[in-house]
C-alpha atoms as a PDB file:
ATOM      1  CA  MET A   1       0.078   0.419   0.022  1.00  0.00           C
ATOM      2  CA  LEU A   2       1.335   3.029  -1.123  1.00  0.00           C
ATOM      3  CA  LEU A   3       1.441   6.185   1.245  1.00  0.00           C
ATOM      4  CA  SER A   4      -0.895   8.078  -1.535  1.00  0.00           C
ATOM      5  CA  ASP A   5      -3.982   5.797  -1.177  1.00  0.00           C
ATOM      6  CA  LEU A   6      -3.498   6.207   2.834  1.00  0.00           C
ATOM      7  CA  SER A   7      -4.095   9.784   2.542  1.00  0.00           C
ATOM      8  CA  VAL A   8      -7.188   9.220   0.138  1.00  0.00           C
ATOM      9  CA  LYS A   9      -8.440   6.992   2.552  1.00  0.00           C
ATOM     10  CA  ASN A  10      -8.012   9.462   5.555  1.00  0.00           C
ATOM     11  CA  GLN A  11      -9.020  12.030   3.337  1.00  0.00           C
ATOM     12  CA  TRP A  12     -12.565   9.876   2.821  1.00  0.00           C
ATOM     13  CA  LYS A  13     -13.227   9.555   6.240  1.00  0.00           C
ATOM     14  CA  PHE A  14     -12.655  12.439   7.382  1.00  0.00           C
ATOM     15  CA  THR A  15     -14.945  13.923   4.481  1.00  0.00           C
ATOM     16  CA  TYR A  16     -17.635  11.070   5.182  1.00  0.00           C
ATOM     17  CA  MET A  17     -17.643  11.630   9.416  1.00  0.00           C
ATOM     18  CA  GLU A  18     -18.347  15.977   8.099  1.00  0.00           C
ATOM     19  CA  THR A  19     -21.320  14.709   6.355  1.00  0.00           C
ATOM     20  CA  TYR A  20     -22.638  12.769   8.619  1.00  0.00           C
ATOM     21  CA  GLN A  21     -22.119  15.212  11.464  1.00  0.00           C
ATOM     22  CA  ALA A  22     -23.750  18.324   9.081  1.00  0.00           C
ATOM     23  CA  THR A  23     -26.787  15.722   8.620  1.00  0.00           C
ATOM     24  CA  ILE A  24     -27.205  15.259  12.161  1.00  0.00           C
ATOM     25  CA  GLY A  25     -26.805  18.384  13.353  1.00  0.00           C
ATOM     26  CA  GLY A  26     -23.144  18.503  14.264  1.00  0.00           C
ATOM     27  CA  THR A  27     -22.360  16.838  17.177  1.00  0.00           C
ATOM     28  CA  MET A  28     -23.435  12.852  17.721  1.00  0.00           C
ATOM     29  CA  ASN A  29     -25.399  12.519  20.818  1.00  0.00           C
ATOM     30  CA  PRO A  30     -26.611   8.767  21.547  1.00  0.00           C
ATOM     31  CA  GLN A  31     -29.152   8.173  23.831  1.00  0.00           C
ATOM     32  CA  LYS A  32     -29.010   7.267  27.045  1.00  0.00           C
ATOM     33  CA  SER A  33     -30.647   4.123  28.535  1.00  0.00           C
ATOM     34  CA  THR A  34     -31.403   2.610  31.973  1.00  0.00           C
ATOM     35  CA  MET A  35     -31.583  -0.244  30.741  1.00  0.00           C
ATOM     36  CA  SER A  36     -28.587  -3.369  30.522  1.00  0.00           C
ATOM     37  CA  VAL A  37     -27.760  -4.807  26.673  1.00  0.00           C
ATOM     38  CA  LEU A  38     -29.054  -7.952  28.006  1.00  0.00           C
ATOM     39  CA  ALA A  39     -32.403  -6.249  29.591  1.00  0.00           C
ATOM     40  CA  GLN A  40     -33.372  -4.439  25.992  1.00  0.00           C
ATOM     41  CA  ILE A  41     -32.254  -8.071  23.980  1.00  0.00           C
ATOM     42  CA  ALA A  42     -34.782  -9.301  26.309  1.00  0.00           C
ATOM     43  CA  SER A  43     -37.239  -7.018  25.486  1.00  0.00           C
ATOM     44  CA  TRP A  44     -37.639  -8.074  22.242  1.00  0.00           C
ATOM     45  CA  ILE A  45     -38.716 -11.574  22.881  1.00  0.00           C
ATOM     46  CA  PRO A  46     -42.220 -12.039  23.437  1.00  0.00           C
ATOM     47  CA  ASP A  47     -43.514 -12.864  26.424  1.00  0.00           C
ATOM     48  CA  ARG A  48     -44.646 -16.261  26.309  1.00  0.00           C
ATOM     49  CA  ILE A  49     -43.036 -17.309  23.180  1.00  0.00           C
ATOM     50  CA  ILE A  50     -40.290 -18.826  25.597  1.00  0.00           C
ATOM     51  CA  ASP A  51     -43.253 -20.933  27.711  1.00  0.00           C
ATOM     52  CA  ASN A  52     -44.821 -21.662  23.911  1.00  0.00           C
ATOM     53  CA  LEU A  53     -42.021 -23.459  22.922  1.00  0.00           C
ATOM     54  CA  THR A  54     -41.137 -25.058  26.077  1.00  0.00           C
ATOM     55  CA  LYS A  55     -44.731 -26.946  25.569  1.00  0.00           C
ATOM     56  CA  LYS A  56     -44.502 -27.269  22.244  1.00  0.00           C
ATOM     57  CA  HIS A  57     -41.147 -29.452  22.032  1.00  0.00           C
ATOM     58  CA  LYS A  58     -42.418 -31.141  25.564  1.00  0.00           C
ATOM     59  CA  ILE A  59     -39.312 -30.194  27.170  1.00  0.00           C
ATOM     60  CA  GLN A  60     -38.714 -30.906  31.098  1.00  0.00           C
ATOM     61  CA  THR A  61     -36.328 -28.912  33.377  1.00  0.00           C
ATOM     62  CA  ARG A  62     -35.330 -29.743  36.551  1.00  0.00           C
ATOM     63  CA  ALA A  63     -34.096 -26.679  38.859  1.00  0.00           C
ATOM     64  CA  PHE A  64     -34.385 -23.882  36.715  1.00  0.00           C
ATOM     65  CA  SER A  65     -37.294 -22.812  33.985  1.00  0.00           C
ATOM     66  CA  ALA A  66     -36.706 -22.033  30.321  1.00  0.00           C
ATOM     67  CA  ASN A  67     -36.394 -18.385  30.374  1.00  0.00           C
ATOM     68  CA  SER A  68     -33.960 -18.298  33.064  1.00  0.00           C
ATOM     69  CA  HIS A  69     -31.852 -20.691  30.666  1.00  0.00           C
ATOM     70  CA  VAL A  70     -32.402 -18.457  27.698  1.00  0.00           C
ATOM     71  CA  MET A  71     -32.043 -15.484  29.153  1.00  0.00           C
ATOM     72  CA  THR A  72     -28.353 -17.368  31.038  1.00  0.00           C
ATOM     73  CA  MET A  73     -27.455 -18.077  27.312  1.00  0.00           C
ATOM     74  CA  LEU A  74     -27.999 -14.632  26.312  1.00  0.00           C
ATOM     75  CA  TYR A  75     -25.623 -13.780  29.133  1.00  0.00           C
ATOM     76  CA  ALA A  76     -23.164 -16.330  27.902  1.00  0.00           C
ATOM     77  CA  HIS A  77     -23.367 -14.917  24.567  1.00  0.00           C
ATOM     78  CA  LEU A  78     -22.553 -11.646  25.494  1.00  0.00           C
ATOM     79  CA  ALA A  79     -20.166 -12.403  27.811  1.00  0.00           C
ATOM     80  CA  HIS A  80     -18.031 -14.094  25.515  1.00  0.00           C
ATOM     81  CA  SER A  81     -18.325 -17.089  28.278  1.00  0.00           C
ATOM     82  CA  LEU A  82     -16.301 -19.977  27.494  1.00  0.00           C
ATOM     83  CA  SER A  83     -17.101 -23.040  30.030  1.00  0.00           C
ATOM     84  CA  LEU A  84     -19.985 -23.470  32.194  1.00  0.00           C
ATOM     85  CA  ASN A  85     -17.399 -22.228  35.288  1.00  0.00           C
ATOM     86  CA  ASP A  86     -17.115 -19.160  33.757  1.00  0.00           C
ATOM     87  CA  ILE A  87     -21.090 -18.329  33.426  1.00  0.00           C
ATOM     88  CA  CYS A  88     -21.379 -19.998  37.573  1.00  0.00           C
ATOM     89  CA  ASP A  89     -18.420 -17.212  38.306  1.00  0.00           C
ATOM     90  CA  SER A  90     -19.799 -14.626  36.825  1.00  0.00           C
ATOM     91  CA  LEU A  91     -23.139 -15.034  37.656  1.00  0.00           C
ATOM     92  CA  HIS A  92     -22.197 -15.399  41.426  1.00  0.00           C
END
């Protein structure tokens, strides 16, 4: 890659940001939220869908509900957990 190629790329990024900021009013103001990312994702899941799927596929659970299992799996994915031990340590 040539030095001139880098300056063209940097110039493009600068021009793009100027254009973007001009379209949104000059500065970026992200919306503040009191909900965690996990709570926001969980709010997209319809209320009864997990229970309906549990009944439809005749899933039997012992110590925890299907809802808690789904939320734990979402948390594990967001936290980049590598093992069950990682999940247990972080949830305690």
